[in-house]
Amino acid sequence: MTAERNERMKRYLLAAVAAVLAICLSLSGCQQQGQQGGSNSAVTSSGEEKGSAEQTFLLPYTATDSLNPYSAKTKSNQELGNLLFDPLVKVKADFSLEYLLAEKIEVNGTSCTVQLRDVPFSDGSAVTAEDVTFSFRAAKASATSKYAAQLANVTSASAASAKVVSLTLSKPDKFVANLLDFPIIKANSDNNKTSDNKPLPPTGSGRYVYSADSTSYWLTANPNWQGGTVGIGRITLENLPDDEALKHSIEMGGLSFYYTNLSDGLYPNMSGHSVTVPMQNLVYLGVNPTKGQLGNAQFRHALSIAIGRDDIVKNAYYGSAVAASGPYHAAYSAVEGIQSL
C-alpha cells in the first residue's frame, strides 16, 4: 500500500469515526427502558439525607396518569408499579432468576409450563392461573410498556389448572423464563374505582398498596405480601404533574429517591447521594456492509477498534455506563468466552 493510499485511508477512517461518534452521541439518549441487551447502562438514584427515620419518605407520582402497569405513561408511575405488583420471576443482575409468584418454570420446545406459588393478592384472594393469563393478555396489548415487544415470541397463555399456566411459543427459546417478569394483576381489577367513581390501581401482590384522599396520595405496606415486612411502612407520593415540576423537585431536594435510566438524555442535578446499578440496556451502532469501504471486513474491524467507547460512556452517559465488550451483557455467564468486538 502506497504512502498516499495510507494517508487517504487514514483520513477516511478518521472521518468515518467522527461520523460514528456523532451518531452514537445523538442516539444514546433514546434507548428504551427495559430493552434487552448487553452492556451495563446507567441507572442513577438519589436520596436526600434526612437524618431521621421519622422523616417522610417521598417518591414522585403523577396523579393524572394511571398506576396500571400496562397503561401508565409517565416514568414515575411506571416505576411505582414495581412496588405495587409482583411478577412471576425477577431477573437479577447476573441474569439468574428469582422466583416470586412462580414456583417452577419448565420449557420443552415451543411449550412452557408455569407452576404458581400459593400467594395472595393484597385483598387476600389467591393469585391464580386466570390472573396470570389476564395479565399476559394485558401485557401483549399494552402500547406504553415494554412487555408487548418482550413477549412477542409467546403467542398464547392458558390456565391448565388453578395453579398451572401453559404458554405457547412461536419458536423454541430455552431462556423464555427470563422474559416472564411482567406484572401480575388480579383479573378484571383494572376497572377498580372508589365509591365516588374515581379510578384506582389494579389489585396486585407487591410490597405496597395505594391509598388517597382528596388532597394526598400514599403507599402503605401490603399486610399480605409474601415477602413479609418491608423496611418503610409508608411512602408519601408527591404529585408532580409534568417533567418541569419533577426536575424542579429533584434539584430542590424535594424527593427521597429518584430513579432514571438516562433514556431522556438528561442527567438531573441532585443534592443527595447517587449510585449506579447494572441494567440490560445495550446501545449499539449498525453499519451497512454494502456501502463503500464498509464492505471490507478488515476495515469494519479497524473502525470498531477506533471508536472511542470510553469517550462515549463519559460524554453521553456522564460516566454512568460500561463500554460493551460484545453483543451480550458481561455478567451473562452463558456467553462467557464466546463474544468479542
Protein backbone atom coordinates (compact mmCIF):
# COMPACT_ATOMS: atom_id res chain seq x y z
CA MET A 1 0.00 0.00 0.00
CA THR A 2 1.50 3.34 -1.03
CA ALA A 3 2.05 6.23 1.39
CA GLU A 4 -0.60 8.25 -0.48
CA ARG A 5 -3.13 5.46 -0.13
CA ASN A 6 -2.22 5.05 3.53
CA GLU A 7 -2.84 8.73 4.16
CA ARG A 8 -6.12 8.64 2.22
CA MET A 9 -7.26 5.59 4.21
CA LYS A 10 -6.27 7.32 7.44
CA ARG A 11 -8.31 10.43 6.56
CA TYR A 12 -11.26 8.26 5.53
CA LEU A 13 -11.06 6.26 8.77
CA LEU A 14 -10.89 9.37 10.93
CA ALA A 15 -13.83 10.89 9.08
CA ALA A 16 -15.83 7.69 9.48
CA VAL A 17 -15.01 7.51 13.19
CA ALA A 18 -16.09 11.12 13.67
CA ALA A 19 -19.39 10.38 11.94
CA VAL A 20 -19.90 7.24 14.00
CA LEU A 21 -19.25 9.11 17.25
CA ALA A 22 -21.65 11.87 16.27
CA ILE A 23 -24.38 9.34 15.51
CA CYS A 24 -23.72 7.40 18.72
CA LEU A 25 -23.86 10.51 20.85
CA SER A 26 -27.06 11.69 19.22
CA LEU A 27 -28.84 8.35 19.67
CA SER A 28 -27.58 7.26 23.05
CA GLY A 29 -30.25 9.16 24.95
CA CYS A 30 -33.04 7.44 23.01
CA GLN A 31 -32.74 3.91 24.34
CA GLN A 32 -35.93 2.38 25.66
CA GLN A 33 -36.21 1.30 29.24
CA GLY A 34 -36.12 -2.43 29.62
CA GLN A 35 -34.62 -3.03 26.18
CA GLN A 36 -32.85 -6.38 26.11
CA GLY A 37 -29.15 -6.13 25.52
CA GLY A 38 -25.62 -6.48 26.73
CA SER A 39 -23.66 -3.61 28.20
CA ASN A 40 -24.28 -2.06 31.56
CA SER A 41 -26.32 1.10 31.21
CA ALA A 42 -26.55 3.65 33.94
CA VAL A 43 -29.33 3.91 36.44
CA THR A 44 -28.98 6.81 38.78
CA SER A 45 -30.78 7.08 42.07
CA SER A 46 -30.58 9.80 44.64
CA GLY A 47 -31.79 10.34 48.14
CA GLU A 48 -31.64 13.41 50.30
CA GLU A 49 -30.05 12.96 53.69
CA LYS A 50 -32.95 13.07 56.11
CA GLY A 51 -31.06 12.34 59.31
CA SER A 52 -34.01 10.64 60.98
CA ALA A 53 -36.11 7.56 60.37
CA GLU A 54 -39.14 9.62 61.34
CA GLN A 55 -38.86 11.84 58.28
CA THR A 56 -41.39 11.40 55.47
CA PHE A 57 -40.21 9.23 52.57
CA LEU A 58 -41.23 10.91 49.30
CA LEU A 59 -41.47 9.45 45.80
CA PRO A 60 -42.59 11.18 42.58
CA TYR A 61 -46.09 10.48 41.25
CA THR A 62 -48.37 11.83 38.53
CA ALA A 63 -51.97 11.92 39.74
CA THR A 64 -53.38 12.43 36.25
CA ASP A 65 -51.71 9.25 34.99
CA SER A 66 -52.70 5.66 35.69
CA LEU A 67 -50.91 3.27 38.05
CA ASN A 68 -51.94 0.35 35.86
CA PRO A 69 -48.57 -1.08 34.73
CA TYR A 70 -49.96 -1.62 31.23
CA SER A 71 -51.33 1.86 30.63
CA ALA A 72 -49.13 4.18 32.73
CA LYS A 73 -47.38 6.72 30.51
CA THR A 74 -45.09 8.58 32.92
CA LYS A 75 -41.82 7.14 34.14
CA SER A 76 -42.72 7.96 37.74
CA ASN A 77 -45.89 5.87 37.67
CA GLN A 78 -44.28 3.07 35.72
CA GLU A 79 -41.60 2.78 38.40
CA LEU A 80 -44.19 2.84 41.21
CA GLY A 81 -45.70 -0.24 39.59
CA ASN A 82 -42.67 -2.20 40.80
CA LEU A 83 -43.85 -1.57 44.36
CA LEU A 84 -47.48 -2.50 43.72
CA PHE A 85 -47.23 -5.57 41.50
CA ASP A 86 -45.04 -8.66 41.70
CA PRO A 87 -44.13 -10.63 38.54
CA LEU A 88 -43.71 -14.37 38.08
CA VAL A 89 -39.94 -14.00 38.20
CA LYS A 90 -37.35 -11.31 38.71
CA VAL A 91 -34.19 -11.22 36.60
CA LYS A 92 -31.22 -10.48 38.85
CA ALA A 93 -28.09 -8.55 37.92
CA ASP A 94 -26.26 -11.74 36.90
CA PHE A 95 -29.27 -12.84 34.78
CA SER A 96 -30.18 -15.64 37.16
CA LEU A 97 -33.84 -15.85 38.18
CA GLU A 98 -35.50 -15.11 41.47
CA TYR A 99 -38.87 -16.88 41.57
CA LEU A 100 -41.62 -14.69 43.02
CA LEU A 101 -45.14 -15.75 42.03
CA ALA A 102 -43.84 -18.72 40.04
CA GLU A 103 -42.77 -21.88 41.85
CA LYS A 104 -41.29 -23.62 38.83
CA ILE A 105 -40.98 -22.98 35.07
CA GLU A 106 -40.38 -25.79 32.59
CA VAL A 107 -39.62 -25.31 28.89
CA ASN A 108 -39.97 -28.04 26.27
CA GLY A 109 -39.59 -26.88 22.69
CA THR A 110 -42.38 -24.40 21.99
CA SER A 111 -44.22 -25.21 25.23
CA CYS A 112 -43.65 -23.55 28.58
CA THR A 113 -45.38 -24.55 31.83
CA VAL A 114 -45.50 -22.25 34.86
CA GLN A 115 -46.37 -23.66 38.28
CA LEU A 116 -47.60 -20.93 40.66
CA ARG A 117 -46.88 -20.48 44.34
CA ASP A 118 -49.68 -20.14 46.89
CA VAL A 119 -49.53 -16.34 47.08
CA PRO A 120 -52.32 -13.87 47.94
CA PHE A 121 -53.13 -10.55 46.38
CA SER A 122 -53.25 -7.52 48.65
CA ASP A 123 -57.00 -8.10 49.14
CA GLY A 124 -56.35 -11.62 50.44
CA SER A 125 -57.60 -13.51 47.36
CA ALA A 126 -55.28 -16.10 45.81
CA VAL A 127 -53.19 -15.47 42.71
CA THR A 128 -54.42 -17.96 40.10
CA ALA A 129 -53.59 -19.02 36.57
CA GLU A 130 -56.55 -16.96 35.34
CA ASP A 131 -54.94 -13.83 36.79
CA VAL A 132 -51.68 -14.65 35.00
CA THR A 133 -53.39 -15.19 31.65
CA PHE A 134 -55.38 -11.97 32.14
CA SER A 135 -52.12 -10.09 32.84
CA PHE A 136 -50.45 -11.76 29.88
CA ARG A 137 -53.15 -10.51 27.52
CA ALA A 138 -52.90 -7.01 29.01
CA ALA A 139 -49.12 -7.08 28.56
CA LYS A 140 -49.39 -8.19 24.94
CA ALA A 141 -51.91 -5.43 24.21
CA SER A 142 -50.02 -2.65 26.01
CA ALA A 143 -48.94 0.31 23.93
CA THR A 144 -46.99 2.03 26.71
CA SER A 145 -44.95 -0.72 28.40
CA LYS A 146 -42.02 -2.81 27.24
CA TYR A 147 -43.85 -6.10 27.65
CA ALA A 148 -45.60 -6.39 24.28
CA ALA A 149 -42.26 -6.48 22.46
CA GLN A 150 -40.68 -8.61 25.16
CA LEU A 151 -43.40 -11.28 24.87
CA ALA A 152 -43.55 -11.26 21.06
CA ASN A 153 -42.39 -14.88 20.85
CA VAL A 154 -45.06 -16.05 23.33
CA THR A 155 -48.17 -16.48 21.23
CA SER A 156 -50.70 -17.64 23.83
CA ALA A 157 -51.33 -18.36 27.50
CA SER A 158 -53.99 -20.56 29.04
CA ALA A 159 -54.90 -21.83 32.50
CA ALA A 160 -54.27 -25.59 32.61
CA SER A 161 -55.49 -25.57 36.22
CA ALA A 162 -55.88 -23.09 39.07
CA LYS A 163 -52.13 -23.05 39.66
CA VAL A 164 -50.67 -24.04 36.27
CA VAL A 165 -50.24 -21.76 33.24
CA SER A 166 -49.44 -23.14 29.78
CA LEU A 167 -47.59 -20.85 27.37
CA THR A 168 -47.08 -21.46 23.66
CA LEU A 169 -44.05 -20.04 21.80
CA SER A 170 -43.77 -19.35 18.09
CA LYS A 171 -40.24 -20.80 18.17
CA PRO A 172 -38.20 -22.60 20.84
CA ASP A 173 -36.47 -20.41 23.43
CA LYS A 174 -34.86 -22.13 26.39
CA PHE A 175 -34.41 -18.74 28.09
CA VAL A 176 -38.05 -17.69 27.83
CA ALA A 177 -38.38 -17.73 31.64
CA ASN A 178 -36.18 -14.61 31.72
CA LEU A 179 -38.92 -12.75 29.82
CA LEU A 180 -41.72 -13.62 32.24
CA ASP A 181 -41.17 -10.66 34.56
CA PHE A 182 -44.39 -8.90 33.53
CA PRO A 183 -46.51 -7.61 36.47
CA ILE A 184 -49.40 -9.80 37.59
CA ILE A 185 -52.66 -8.01 38.30
CA LYS A 186 -55.89 -9.53 39.54
CA ALA A 187 -58.24 -10.38 36.66
CA ASN A 188 -60.67 -7.55 35.87
CA SER A 189 -59.30 -5.33 38.65
CA ASP A 190 -58.16 -2.83 36.03
CA ASN A 191 -61.66 -1.38 36.44
CA ASN A 192 -61.24 -0.71 40.18
CA LYS A 193 -62.89 2.53 41.32
CA THR A 194 -63.59 4.35 44.58
CA SER A 195 -67.10 4.83 45.96
CA ASP A 196 -67.22 8.21 44.18
CA ASN A 197 -66.18 6.61 40.86
CA LYS A 198 -62.51 7.67 40.83
CA PRO A 199 -60.13 5.17 39.22
CA LEU A 200 -57.91 3.03 41.42
CA PRO A 201 -54.86 0.92 40.51
CA PRO A 202 -55.47 -2.76 39.75
CA THR A 203 -55.08 -5.18 42.65
CA GLY A 204 -51.55 -6.52 42.96
CA SER A 205 -49.47 -8.73 45.24
CA GLY A 206 -46.50 -6.36 45.64
CA ARG A 207 -44.96 -4.82 48.73
CA TYR A 208 -47.32 -1.85 48.88
CA VAL A 209 -50.93 -0.82 48.31
CA TYR A 210 -52.15 2.57 47.12
CA SER A 211 -54.27 4.99 49.16
CA ALA A 212 -55.53 8.54 48.59
CA ASP A 213 -57.84 11.20 49.93
CA SER A 214 -58.97 14.49 48.40
CA THR A 215 -55.51 16.08 48.61
CA SER A 216 -52.92 13.38 49.37
CA TYR A 217 -51.58 10.13 47.93
CA TRP A 218 -49.52 7.45 49.65
CA LEU A 219 -48.46 3.81 49.72
CA THR A 220 -48.74 1.56 52.76
CA ALA A 221 -47.18 -1.84 53.40
CA ASN A 222 -49.16 -4.76 52.00
CA PRO A 223 -50.07 -6.93 55.02
CA ASN A 224 -50.43 -9.96 52.72
CA TRP A 225 -47.09 -9.58 50.92
CA GLN A 226 -45.37 -12.95 50.55
CA GLY A 227 -42.02 -11.40 51.44
CA GLY A 228 -43.15 -10.42 54.94
CA THR A 229 -42.45 -6.96 56.30
CA VAL A 230 -40.98 -4.02 54.41
CA GLY A 231 -38.39 -1.54 55.61
CA ILE A 232 -40.51 1.57 55.07
CA GLY A 233 -44.09 1.31 56.30
CA ARG A 234 -45.49 4.34 54.50
CA ILE A 235 -44.39 6.22 51.38
CA THR A 236 -45.81 9.63 50.53
CA LEU A 237 -46.40 10.25 46.84
CA GLU A 238 -45.52 13.76 45.67
CA ASN A 239 -47.82 14.76 42.83
CA LEU A 240 -45.58 16.20 40.10
CA PRO A 241 -47.75 16.77 37.03
CA ASP A 242 -45.05 17.28 34.40
CA ASP A 243 -41.32 16.96 33.68
CA GLU A 244 -40.62 20.55 34.70
CA ALA A 245 -42.16 20.03 38.14
CA LEU A 246 -40.20 16.78 38.52
CA LYS A 247 -36.93 18.45 37.52
CA HIS A 248 -37.51 21.30 39.97
CA SER A 249 -38.33 18.91 42.82
CA ILE A 250 -35.16 16.89 42.19
CA GLU A 251 -32.96 19.98 42.10
CA MET A 252 -34.51 21.31 45.31
CA GLY A 253 -34.02 18.00 47.14
CA GLY A 254 -37.77 17.52 47.50
CA LEU A 255 -37.70 13.75 46.90
CA SER A 256 -36.24 10.95 48.99
CA PHE A 257 -35.38 8.83 45.98
CA TYR A 258 -35.33 9.27 42.21
CA TYR A 259 -34.56 6.66 39.60
CA THR A 260 -33.65 7.19 35.96
CA ASN A 261 -32.17 5.08 33.19
CA LEU A 262 -30.99 8.27 31.43
CA SER A 263 -33.16 7.40 28.42
CA ASP A 264 -34.23 11.04 28.11
CA GLY A 265 -30.61 12.17 27.78
CA LEU A 266 -30.84 14.37 30.87
CA TYR A 267 -28.68 13.98 33.94
CA PRO A 268 -30.54 15.51 36.89
CA ASN A 269 -28.85 17.96 39.23
CA MET A 270 -29.29 16.17 42.55
CA SER A 271 -28.44 17.26 46.06
CA GLY A 272 -28.17 13.78 47.60
CA HIS A 273 -26.14 10.65 47.02
CA SER A 274 -26.16 8.75 43.74
CA VAL A 275 -25.34 5.15 42.86
CA THR A 276 -25.29 3.19 39.62
CA VAL A 277 -26.83 -0.25 39.19
CA PRO A 278 -26.46 -2.73 36.31
CA MET A 279 -29.08 -2.75 33.56
CA GLN A 280 -29.69 -4.85 30.47
CA ASN A 281 -29.72 -1.95 28.00
CA LEU A 282 -27.38 -2.17 25.03
CA VAL A 283 -26.77 0.87 22.84
CA TYR A 284 -25.29 -0.23 19.54
CA LEU A 285 -24.39 1.14 16.12
CA GLY A 286 -25.05 -0.83 12.97
CA VAL A 287 -23.21 -0.38 9.66
CA ASN A 288 -24.26 -1.09 6.09
CA PRO A 289 -21.70 -3.52 4.61
CA THR A 290 -22.89 -2.75 1.07
CA LYS A 291 -21.59 0.82 1.20
CA GLY A 292 -18.04 1.55 0.07
CA GLN A 293 -15.24 0.56 2.40
CA LEU A 294 -17.77 -0.77 4.93
CA GLY A 295 -17.99 -3.88 2.74
CA ASN A 296 -14.42 -4.70 3.77
CA ALA A 297 -14.43 -6.84 6.94
CA GLN A 298 -10.92 -5.68 7.90
CA PHE A 299 -11.99 -2.06 7.56
CA ARG A 300 -15.06 -2.67 9.73
CA HIS A 301 -12.86 -4.29 12.35
CA ALA A 302 -10.46 -1.33 12.25
CA LEU A 303 -13.40 1.05 12.54
CA SER A 304 -14.73 -0.84 15.56
CA ILE A 305 -11.35 -0.65 17.27
CA ALA A 306 -11.05 3.08 16.51
CA ILE A 307 -14.38 4.02 18.11
CA GLY A 308 -13.75 5.60 21.48
CA ARG A 309 -16.27 3.65 23.55
CA ASP A 310 -14.95 5.02 26.81
CA ASP A 311 -15.39 8.57 25.48
CA ILE A 312 -18.99 7.78 24.52
CA VAL A 313 -19.62 6.40 28.00
CA LYS A 314 -18.12 9.51 29.56
CA ASN A 315 -19.83 12.09 27.36
CA ALA A 316 -23.21 10.53 26.60
CA TYR A 317 -23.82 8.78 29.92
CA TYR A 318 -21.85 11.01 32.27
CA GLY A 319 -19.58 8.10 33.15
CA SER A 320 -22.52 6.02 34.40
CA ALA A 321 -22.18 3.18 31.89
CA VAL A 322 -19.73 0.48 30.84
CA ALA A 323 -18.25 0.06 27.38
CA ALA A 324 -19.60 -3.13 25.80
CA SER A 325 -17.22 -6.00 25.06
CA GLY A 326 -19.71 -7.69 22.73
CA PRO A 327 -23.42 -8.04 21.99
CA TYR A 328 -24.20 -9.72 25.31
CA HIS A 329 -24.07 -8.45 28.87
CA ALA A 330 -20.72 -9.10 30.53
CA ALA A 331 -22.47 -10.62 33.57
CA TYR A 332 -24.27 -13.22 31.45
CA SER A 333 -22.37 -16.44 32.24
CA ALA A 334 -23.97 -18.40 29.38
CA VAL A 335 -21.93 -16.48 26.78
CA GLU A 336 -18.68 -16.21 28.72
CA GLY A 337 -15.71 -16.52 26.37
CA ILE A 338 -17.68 -16.52 23.10
CA GLN A 339 -18.27 -12.83 22.47
CA SER A 340 -15.86 -10.25 21.14
CA LEU A 341 -15.94 -6.90 19.39
